[in-house]
């Protein structure tokens, strides 16, 4: 219950703090997609890995292919915000909602993102990241054809309510959750799991057309982030990245989670 209360309060605070963008006539600004980039900054991510990840997002919004994807939308503009997250109650908006309709706005978003160095903190609460991001979408003030949460991380949910509960609550609101599981290093810590891509497939992503882009090599960061953002902006339903074999077991969605009364 406490987790739900915290999530509700986050939604209310965001809704009050974010003045709704409006046209000159007073109507909300329409966008093809309202996108929350929710990035893991837990201690399992080394400072160097976080810098490479941040640089990947900065590079993506400077890339002409991303600018073209934005222009080719039905409306021709998107709204995006960048969030860092770790444990329960530990989420930070690094760059607030930004309207992007062309290269200048996209580059400006990248520059603001690049000015704030990544931070690190304890625990990995994907559930809280999803709840917080859903609150940001509820309070964005934009009229979005699609609402998307883009979750990146290198481990399973290990604090807060069940990640499947948070995912299902967001999907019921019409939100799509996509994933970027980071699998660069071999599992070594108590919360690491080998098949993080399967965990994201079965436990994190959800909604119509949801997908994930696993990153297994360090030099794949920038290309993977760029590819993912282009797909999210374009709104195309990609071919499945993983073909399930007959009888393949499902991932254990509670592998990193402790018994918690909020799961009920």
C-alpha atoms as a PDB file:
ATOM      1  CA  UNK A   1       0.000   0.000   0.000  1.00  0.00           C
ATOM      2  CA  UNK A   2       2.843   2.400   0.850  1.00  0.00           C
ATOM      3  CA  UNK A   3       4.294   2.017  -2.650  1.00  0.00           C
ATOM      4  CA  UNK A   4       0.951   2.889  -4.229  1.00  0.00           C
ATOM      5  CA  UNK A   5       0.597   5.962  -2.023  1.00  0.00           C
ATOM      6  CA  UNK A   6       4.104   7.133  -2.963  1.00  0.00           C
ATOM      7  CA  UNK A   7       3.319   6.602  -6.648  1.00  0.00           C
ATOM      8  CA  UNK A   8       0.050   8.550  -6.362  1.00  0.00           C
ATOM      9  CA  UNK A   9       1.774  11.437  -4.585  1.00  0.00           C
ATOM     10  CA  UNK A  10       4.419  11.526  -7.317  1.00  0.00           C
ATOM     11  CA  UNK A  11       1.709  11.792  -9.942  1.00  0.00           C
ATOM     12  CA  UNK A  12       0.001  14.647  -8.087  1.00  0.00           C
ATOM     13  CA  UNK A  13       3.224  16.574  -7.512  1.00  0.00           C
ATOM     14  CA  UNK A  14       4.194  16.261 -11.169  1.00  0.00           C
ATOM     15  CA  UNK A  15       0.719  17.250 -12.360  1.00  0.00           C
ATOM     16  CA  UNK A  16       0.794  20.391 -10.231  1.00  0.00           C
ATOM     17  CA  UNK A  17       4.397  21.351 -11.013  1.00  0.00           C
ATOM     18  CA  UNK A  18       4.211  20.901 -14.764  1.00  0.00           C
ATOM     19  CA  UNK A  19       2.289  23.722 -16.380  1.00  0.00           C
ATOM     20  CA  UNK A  20       0.515  22.237 -19.419  1.00  0.00           C
ATOM     21  CA  UNK A  21       1.963  23.339 -22.764  1.00  0.00           C
ATOM     22  CA  UNK A  22      -0.711  25.122 -24.808  1.00  0.00           C
ATOM     23  CA  UNK A  23      -1.134  26.644 -28.242  1.00  0.00           C
ATOM     24  CA  UNK A  24      -1.925  30.303 -28.699  1.00  0.00           C
ATOM     25  CA  UNK A  25      -5.639  29.378 -28.774  1.00  0.00           C
ATOM     26  CA  UNK A  26      -5.408  27.652 -25.394  1.00  0.00           C
ATOM     27  CA  UNK A  27      -5.473  24.025 -26.602  1.00  0.00           C
ATOM     28  CA  UNK A  28      -2.839  21.496 -25.428  1.00  0.00           C
ATOM     29  CA  UNK A  29       0.057  20.969 -27.820  1.00  0.00           C
ATOM     30  CA  UNK A  30      -0.345  17.794 -29.866  1.00  0.00           C
ATOM     31  CA  UNK A  31       2.619  15.446 -30.272  1.00  0.00           C
ATOM     32  CA  UNK A  32       3.155  12.103 -31.922  1.00  0.00           C
ATOM     33  CA  UNK A  33       4.644  10.615 -28.758  1.00  0.00           C
ATOM     34  CA  UNK A  34       5.304  11.663 -25.171  1.00  0.00           C
ATOM     35  CA  UNK A  35       8.458   9.765 -24.221  1.00  0.00           C
ATOM     36  CA  UNK A  36      10.000   9.243 -20.787  1.00  0.00           C
ATOM     37  CA  UNK A  37      13.617   8.070 -20.932  1.00  0.00           C
ATOM     38  CA  UNK A  38      14.042   6.286 -17.573  1.00  0.00           C
ATOM     39  CA  UNK A  39      17.709   5.420 -16.999  1.00  0.00           C
ATOM     40  CA  UNK A  40      19.141   3.179 -14.276  1.00  0.00           C
ATOM     41  CA  UNK A  41      21.826   4.812 -12.106  1.00  0.00           C
ATOM     42  CA  UNK A  42      22.097   2.106  -9.442  1.00  0.00           C
ATOM     43  CA  UNK A  43      25.500   1.172  -8.018  1.00  0.00           C
ATOM     44  CA  UNK A  44      25.736  -1.897 -10.254  1.00  0.00           C
ATOM     45  CA  UNK A  45      26.388   0.546 -13.103  1.00  0.00           C
ATOM     46  CA  UNK A  46      29.995   1.706 -13.030  1.00  0.00           C
ATOM     47  CA  UNK A  47      30.713   5.413 -13.487  1.00  0.00           C
ATOM     48  CA  UNK A  48      32.327   4.671 -16.829  1.00  0.00           C
ATOM     49  CA  UNK A  49      29.303   2.677 -18.031  1.00  0.00           C
ATOM     50  CA  UNK A  50      26.975   5.470 -16.986  1.00  0.00           C
ATOM     51  CA  UNK A  51      29.032   8.002 -18.913  1.00  0.00           C
ATOM     52  CA  UNK A  52      28.964   5.822 -22.032  1.00  0.00           C
ATOM     53  CA  UNK A  53      25.208   5.382 -21.640  1.00  0.00           C
ATOM     54  CA  UNK A  54      24.607   9.114 -21.173  1.00  0.00           C
ATOM     55  CA  UNK A  55      26.779   9.888 -24.196  1.00  0.00           C
ATOM     56  CA  UNK A  56      24.664   7.437 -26.207  1.00  0.00           C
ATOM     57  CA  UNK A  57      21.485   9.400 -25.479  1.00  0.00           C
ATOM     58  CA  UNK A  58      23.207  12.707 -26.187  1.00  0.00           C
ATOM     59  CA  UNK A  59      24.483  11.402 -29.512  1.00  0.00           C
ATOM     60  CA  UNK A  60      21.054  10.011 -30.437  1.00  0.00           C
ATOM     61  CA  UNK A  61      19.338  13.390 -30.161  1.00  0.00           C
ATOM     62  CA  UNK A  62      22.076  14.986 -32.240  1.00  0.00           C
ATOM     63  CA  UNK A  63      21.694  12.381 -34.972  1.00  0.00           C
ATOM     64  CA  UNK A  64      20.025  13.396 -38.273  1.00  0.00           C
ATOM     65  CA  UNK A  65      18.224  10.015 -38.473  1.00  0.00           C
ATOM     66  CA  UNK A  66      16.398  10.815 -35.215  1.00  0.00           C
ATOM     67  CA  UNK A  67      15.559  14.309 -36.496  1.00  0.00           C
ATOM     68  CA  UNK A  68      14.127  12.790 -39.682  1.00  0.00           C
ATOM     69  CA  UNK A  69      12.052  10.271 -37.728  1.00  0.00           C
ATOM     70  CA  UNK A  70      10.525  13.126 -35.707  1.00  0.00           C
ATOM     71  CA  UNK A  71       9.674  15.126 -38.846  1.00  0.00           C
ATOM     72  CA  UNK A  72       8.017  12.120 -40.498  1.00  0.00           C
ATOM     73  CA  UNK A  73       5.439  11.658 -37.733  1.00  0.00           C
ATOM     74  CA  UNK A  74       1.791  12.553 -38.331  1.00  0.00           C
ATOM     75  CA  UNK A  75       2.181  15.681 -36.185  1.00  0.00           C
ATOM     76  CA  UNK A  76       5.922  16.143 -36.710  1.00  0.00           C
ATOM     77  CA  UNK A  77       6.909  16.756 -33.104  1.00  0.00           C
ATOM     78  CA  UNK A  78       7.457  14.830 -29.878  1.00  0.00           C
ATOM     79  CA  UNK A  79       7.742  15.567 -26.155  1.00  0.00           C
ATOM     80  CA  UNK A  80      10.570  13.952 -24.188  1.00  0.00           C
ATOM     81  CA  UNK A  81      11.946  14.003 -20.655  1.00  0.00           C
ATOM     82  CA  UNK A  82      15.001  12.259 -19.159  1.00  0.00           C
ATOM     83  CA  UNK A  83      14.849  10.610 -15.714  1.00  0.00           C
ATOM     84  CA  UNK A  84      17.500   8.866 -13.607  1.00  0.00           C
ATOM     85  CA  UNK A  85      16.311   6.256 -11.119  1.00  0.00           C
ATOM     86  CA  UNK A  86      17.596   3.793  -8.534  1.00  0.00           C
ATOM     87  CA  UNK A  87      15.699   2.630  -5.422  1.00  0.00           C
ATOM     88  CA  UNK A  88      12.233   3.451  -4.083  1.00  0.00           C
ATOM     89  CA  UNK A  89      11.699   7.216  -3.909  1.00  0.00           C
ATOM     90  CA  UNK A  90      14.992   7.805  -5.712  1.00  0.00           C
ATOM     91  CA  UNK A  91      14.083   9.300  -9.082  1.00  0.00           C
ATOM     92  CA  UNK A  92      15.363  12.553 -10.547  1.00  0.00           C
ATOM     93  CA  UNK A  93      14.228  14.497 -13.604  1.00  0.00           C
ATOM     94  CA  UNK A  94      17.468  15.497 -15.329  1.00  0.00           C
ATOM     95  CA  UNK A  95      15.868  17.259 -18.300  1.00  0.00           C
ATOM     96  CA  UNK A  96      12.181  18.264 -17.949  1.00  0.00           C
ATOM     97  CA  UNK A  97       9.547  17.914 -20.654  1.00  0.00           C
ATOM     98  CA  UNK A  98      10.889  19.343 -23.884  1.00  0.00           C
ATOM     99  CA  UNK A  99       8.988  19.869 -27.126  1.00  0.00           C
ATOM    100  CA  UNK A 100      11.060  18.757 -30.123  1.00  0.00           C
ATOM    101  CA  UNK A 101       9.957  19.584 -33.663  1.00  0.00           C
ATOM    102  CA  UNK A 102      13.307  19.840 -35.424  1.00  0.00           C
ATOM    103  CA  UNK A 103      17.094  19.610 -35.195  1.00  0.00           C
ATOM    104  CA  UNK A 104      17.502  22.761 -33.091  1.00  0.00           C
ATOM    105  CA  UNK A 105      15.215  21.560 -30.305  1.00  0.00           C
ATOM    106  CA  UNK A 106      16.682  18.048 -30.430  1.00  0.00           C
ATOM    107  CA  UNK A 107      20.226  19.388 -30.213  1.00  0.00           C
ATOM    108  CA  UNK A 108      19.214  21.697 -27.381  1.00  0.00           C
ATOM    109  CA  UNK A 109      17.809  18.719 -25.469  1.00  0.00           C
ATOM    110  CA  UNK A 110      21.092  16.863 -26.035  1.00  0.00           C
ATOM    111  CA  UNK A 111      23.129  19.824 -24.798  1.00  0.00           C
ATOM    112  CA  UNK A 112      21.088  20.170 -21.595  1.00  0.00           C
ATOM    113  CA  UNK A 113      21.436  16.449 -21.000  1.00  0.00           C
ATOM    114  CA  UNK A 114      25.184  16.582 -21.516  1.00  0.00           C
ATOM    115  CA  UNK A 115      25.573  19.378 -18.953  1.00  0.00           C
ATOM    116  CA  UNK A 116      24.394  17.210 -16.035  1.00  0.00           C
ATOM    117  CA  UNK A 117      26.873  14.489 -15.012  1.00  0.00           C
ATOM    118  CA  UNK A 118      25.360  11.082 -14.156  1.00  0.00           C
ATOM    119  CA  UNK A 119      24.947  10.198 -10.490  1.00  0.00           C
ATOM    120  CA  UNK A 120      24.874   6.845  -8.691  1.00  0.00           C
ATOM    121  CA  UNK A 121      22.651   5.533  -5.926  1.00  0.00           C
ATOM    122  CA  UNK A 122      21.531   2.331  -4.192  1.00  0.00           C
ATOM    123  CA  UNK A 123      18.992  -0.360  -5.105  1.00  0.00           C
ATOM    124  CA  UNK A 124      17.135  -1.067  -8.335  1.00  0.00           C
ATOM    125  CA  UNK A 125      13.408  -0.387  -8.269  1.00  0.00           C
ATOM    126  CA  UNK A 126      12.147  -0.725 -11.821  1.00  0.00           C
ATOM    127  CA  UNK A 127       8.615  -0.692 -10.399  1.00  0.00           C
ATOM    128  CA  UNK A 128       9.139   2.734  -8.816  1.00  0.00           C
ATOM    129  CA  UNK A 129      10.720   4.008 -12.036  1.00  0.00           C
ATOM    130  CA  UNK A 130       7.631   2.925 -13.979  1.00  0.00           C
ATOM    131  CA  UNK A 131       5.263   4.465 -11.404  1.00  0.00           C
ATOM    132  CA  UNK A 132       7.196   7.745 -11.396  1.00  0.00           C
ATOM    133  CA  UNK A 133       7.314   7.838 -15.196  1.00  0.00           C
ATOM    134  CA  UNK A 134       3.568   7.180 -15.433  1.00  0.00           C
ATOM    135  CA  UNK A 135       3.090  10.184 -13.153  1.00  0.00           C
ATOM    136  CA  UNK A 136       5.208  12.331 -15.447  1.00  0.00           C
ATOM    137  CA  UNK A 137       3.098  11.276 -18.423  1.00  0.00           C
ATOM    138  CA  UNK A 138      -0.124  12.033 -16.536  1.00  0.00           C
ATOM    139  CA  UNK A 139       1.092  15.540 -15.745  1.00  0.00           C
ATOM    140  CA  UNK A 140       2.861  16.376 -19.005  1.00  0.00           C
ATOM    141  CA  UNK A 141       0.025  18.498 -20.372  1.00  0.00           C
ATOM    142  CA  UNK A 142       0.731  17.326 -23.934  1.00  0.00           C
ATOM    143  CA  UNK A 143      -1.909  15.666 -26.072  1.00  0.00           C
ATOM    144  CA  UNK A 144       0.040  12.609 -27.221  1.00  0.00           C
ATOM    145  CA  UNK A 145      -1.008  10.013 -29.766  1.00  0.00           C
ATOM    146  CA  UNK A 146       1.246   7.553 -27.938  1.00  0.00           C
ATOM    147  CA  UNK A 147       2.709   7.570 -24.440  1.00  0.00           C
ATOM    148  CA  UNK A 148       5.914   5.583 -23.921  1.00  0.00           C
ATOM    149  CA  UNK A 149       8.214   4.753 -21.016  1.00  0.00           C
ATOM    150  CA  UNK A 150      11.684   3.688 -22.104  1.00  0.00           C
ATOM    151  CA  UNK A 151      13.389   1.732 -19.281  1.00  0.00           C
ATOM    152  CA  UNK A 152      17.103   0.924 -19.369  1.00  0.00           C
ATOM    153  CA  UNK A 153      18.940  -1.025 -16.683  1.00  0.00           C
ATOM    154  CA  UNK A 154      21.414  -3.768 -15.879  1.00  0.00           C
ATOM    155  CA  UNK A 155      19.547  -5.785 -13.245  1.00  0.00           C
ATOM    156  CA  UNK A 156      16.153  -6.995 -12.014  1.00  0.00           C
ATOM    157  CA  UNK A 157      13.774  -5.200  -9.690  1.00  0.00           C
ATOM    158  CA  UNK A 158      15.055  -5.695  -6.108  1.00  0.00           C
ATOM    159  CA  UNK A 159      13.113  -3.120  -4.084  1.00  0.00           C
ATOM    160  CA  UNK A 160       9.547  -1.839  -3.874  1.00  0.00           C
ATOM    161  CA  UNK A 161       6.416  -3.465  -5.209  1.00  0.00           C
ATOM    162  CA  UNK A 162       6.378  -6.218  -7.812  1.00  0.00           C
ATOM    163  CA  UNK A 163       7.577  -4.990 -11.191  1.00  0.00           C
ATOM    164  CA  UNK A 164       4.732  -6.843 -12.936  1.00  0.00           C
ATOM    165  CA  UNK A 165       2.178  -4.885 -10.876  1.00  0.00           C
ATOM    166  CA  UNK A 166       3.719  -1.567 -11.919  1.00  0.00           C
ATOM    167  CA  UNK A 167       3.952  -2.675 -15.548  1.00  0.00           C
ATOM    168  CA  UNK A 168       0.343  -3.869 -15.674  1.00  0.00           C
ATOM    169  CA  UNK A 169      -0.945  -0.677 -14.013  1.00  0.00           C
ATOM    170  CA  UNK A 170       0.869   1.450 -16.611  1.00  0.00           C
ATOM    171  CA  UNK A 171      -0.333  -0.663 -19.538  1.00  0.00           C
ATOM    172  CA  UNK A 172      -3.928  -0.359 -18.305  1.00  0.00           C
ATOM    173  CA  UNK A 173      -3.479   3.423 -18.658  1.00  0.00           C
ATOM    174  CA  UNK A 174      -2.583   2.965 -22.323  1.00  0.00           C
ATOM    175  CA  UNK A 175       1.149   3.405 -21.758  1.00  0.00           C
ATOM    176  CA  UNK A 176       3.718   1.361 -23.695  1.00  0.00           C
ATOM    177  CA  UNK A 177       6.872   0.254 -21.882  1.00  0.00           C
ATOM    178  CA  UNK A 178       9.993  -0.530 -23.929  1.00  0.00           C
ATOM    179  CA  UNK A 179      13.314  -1.787 -22.606  1.00  0.00           C
ATOM    180  CA  UNK A 180      17.065  -1.526 -23.010  1.00  0.00           C
ATOM    181  CA  UNK A 181      18.570  -4.362 -20.923  1.00  0.00           C
ATOM    182  CA  UNK A 182      22.301  -3.782 -20.454  1.00  0.00           C
ATOM    183  CA  UNK A 183      24.220  -7.067 -20.543  1.00  0.00           C
ATOM    184  CA  UNK A 184      27.793  -5.911 -21.060  1.00  0.00           C
ATOM    185  CA  UNK A 185      29.369  -7.566 -18.002  1.00  0.00           C
ATOM    186  CA  UNK A 186      29.046 -11.135 -16.819  1.00  0.00           C
ATOM    187  CA  UNK A 187      26.785 -11.456 -13.738  1.00  0.00           C
ATOM    188  CA  UNK A 188      28.900 -11.103 -10.601  1.00  0.00           C
ATOM    189  CA  UNK A 189      26.814  -9.504  -7.843  1.00  0.00           C
ATOM    190  CA  UNK A 190      23.999 -10.930  -5.684  1.00  0.00           C
ATOM    191  CA  UNK A 191      21.316  -9.133  -7.751  1.00  0.00           C
ATOM    192  CA  UNK A 192      22.730  -9.924 -11.200  1.00  0.00           C
ATOM    193  CA  UNK A 193      20.986 -12.386 -13.495  1.00  0.00           C
ATOM    194  CA  UNK A 194      22.296 -14.039 -16.641  1.00  0.00           C
ATOM    195  CA  UNK A 195      19.240 -13.753 -18.901  1.00  0.00           C
ATOM    196  CA  UNK A 196      18.312 -10.134 -18.289  1.00  0.00           C
ATOM    197  CA  UNK A 197      16.880  -9.871 -21.804  1.00  0.00           C
ATOM    198  CA  UNK A 198      14.366 -12.622 -21.015  1.00  0.00           C
ATOM    199  CA  UNK A 199      13.522 -10.910 -17.718  1.00  0.00           C
ATOM    200  CA  UNK A 200      12.812  -7.650 -19.538  1.00  0.00           C
ATOM    201  CA  UNK A 201      10.785  -9.511 -22.158  1.00  0.00           C
ATOM    202  CA  UNK A 202       8.553 -11.284 -19.638  1.00  0.00           C
ATOM    203  CA  UNK A 203       8.496  -8.891 -16.680  1.00  0.00           C
ATOM    204  CA  UNK A 204       9.194  -5.296 -17.734  1.00  0.00           C
ATOM    205  CA  UNK A 205       8.051  -4.381 -21.243  1.00  0.00           C
ATOM    206  CA  UNK A 206       4.362  -4.233 -22.081  1.00  0.00           C
ATOM    207  CA  UNK A 207       1.667  -2.621 -24.192  1.00  0.00           C
ATOM    208  CA  UNK A 208       0.859  -2.675 -27.886  1.00  0.00           C
ATOM    209  CA  UNK A 209       4.010  -2.827 -30.007  1.00  0.00           C
ATOM    210  CA  UNK A 210       6.365  -2.926 -27.012  1.00  0.00           C
ATOM    211  CA  UNK A 211       9.913  -4.086 -27.690  1.00  0.00           C
ATOM    212  CA  UNK A 212      13.406  -4.201 -26.254  1.00  0.00           C
ATOM    213  CA  UNK A 213      16.925  -3.794 -27.598  1.00  0.00           C
ATOM    214  CA  UNK A 214      19.495  -5.787 -25.574  1.00  0.00           C
ATOM    215  CA  UNK A 215      23.012  -4.361 -25.395  1.00  0.00           C
ATOM    216  CA  UNK A 216      25.712  -7.030 -25.049  1.00  0.00           C
ATOM    217  CA  UNK A 217      28.782  -5.135 -26.208  1.00  0.00           C
ATOM    218  CA  UNK A 218      30.110  -1.795 -25.039  1.00  0.00           C
ATOM    219  CA  UNK A 219      30.393  -0.380 -28.554  1.00  0.00           C
ATOM    220  CA  UNK A 220      26.700  -1.170 -29.197  1.00  0.00           C
ATOM    221  CA  UNK A 221      25.490   1.499 -26.744  1.00  0.00           C
ATOM    222  CA  UNK A 222      25.114   4.449 -29.096  1.00  0.00           C
ATOM    223  CA  UNK A 223      23.659   2.463 -32.015  1.00  0.00           C
ATOM    224  CA  UNK A 224      21.204   0.591 -29.758  1.00  0.00           C
ATOM    225  CA  UNK A 225      19.924   3.792 -28.152  1.00  0.00           C
ATOM    226  CA  UNK A 226      19.578   5.507 -31.524  1.00  0.00           C
ATOM    227  CA  UNK A 227      17.721   2.529 -33.012  1.00  0.00           C
ATOM    228  CA  UNK A 228      15.376   2.329 -30.036  1.00  0.00           C
ATOM    229  CA  UNK A 229      14.507   6.030 -30.060  1.00  0.00           C
ATOM    230  CA  UNK A 230      13.857   6.002 -33.821  1.00  0.00           C
ATOM    231  CA  UNK A 231      11.461   3.064 -33.386  1.00  0.00           C
ATOM    232  CA  UNK A 232       9.697   4.812 -30.510  1.00  0.00           C
ATOM    233  CA  UNK A 233       9.369   8.086 -32.391  1.00  0.00           C
ATOM    234  CA  UNK A 234       8.238   6.417 -35.617  1.00  0.00           C
ATOM    235  CA  UNK A 235       5.680   4.275 -33.808  1.00  0.00           C
ATOM    236  CA  UNK A 236       6.319   1.247 -35.983  1.00  0.00           C
ATOM    237  CA  UNK A 237       5.788  -2.192 -34.508  1.00  0.00           C
ATOM    238  CA  UNK A 238       9.160  -3.949 -34.934  1.00  0.00           C
ATOM    239  CA  UNK A 239       9.643  -7.595 -35.680  1.00  0.00           C
ATOM    240  CA  UNK A 240      10.164  -9.625 -32.490  1.00  0.00           C
ATOM    241  CA  UNK A 241      13.775  -9.453 -31.341  1.00  0.00           C
ATOM    242  CA  UNK A 242      13.470 -12.806 -29.632  1.00  0.00           C
ATOM    243  CA  UNK A 243      11.750 -15.819 -31.164  1.00  0.00           C
ATOM    244  CA  UNK A 244      10.398 -18.034 -28.409  1.00  0.00           C
ATOM    245  CA  UNK A 245      11.188 -21.722 -28.873  1.00  0.00           C
ATOM    246  CA  UNK A 246       8.479 -24.254 -28.066  1.00  0.00           C
ATOM    247  CA  UNK A 247       8.521 -25.017 -24.365  1.00  0.00           C
ATOM    248  CA  UNK A 248      10.977 -22.262 -23.517  1.00  0.00           C
ATOM    249  CA  UNK A 249      10.575 -21.386 -19.813  1.00  0.00           C
ATOM    250  CA  UNK A 250       9.377 -17.963 -18.766  1.00  0.00           C
ATOM    251  CA  UNK A 251      11.627 -15.707 -16.723  1.00  0.00           C
ATOM    252  CA  UNK A 252      11.140 -15.545 -12.956  1.00  0.00           C
ATOM    253  CA  UNK A 253       9.749 -12.039 -12.444  1.00  0.00           C
ATOM    254  CA  UNK A 254      10.434 -12.182  -8.695  1.00  0.00           C
ATOM    255  CA  UNK A 255      14.057 -13.276  -8.907  1.00  0.00           C
ATOM    256  CA  UNK A 256      15.401 -10.079  -7.356  1.00  0.00           C
ATOM    257  CA  UNK A 257      12.489  -9.256  -5.069  1.00  0.00           C
ATOM    258  CA  UNK A 258      11.979  -9.913  -1.378  1.00  0.00           C
ATOM    259  CA  UNK A 259       8.583 -10.887   0.068  1.00  0.00           C
ATOM    260  CA  UNK A 260       6.610  -7.663   0.240  1.00  0.00           C
ATOM    261  CA  UNK A 261       3.030  -7.028   1.418  1.00  0.00           C
ATOM    262  CA  UNK A 262       2.590  -4.492  -1.394  1.00  0.00           C
ATOM    263  CA  UNK A 263       2.567  -7.337  -3.905  1.00  0.00           C
ATOM    264  CA  UNK A 264      -1.016  -8.195  -3.005  1.00  0.00           C
END
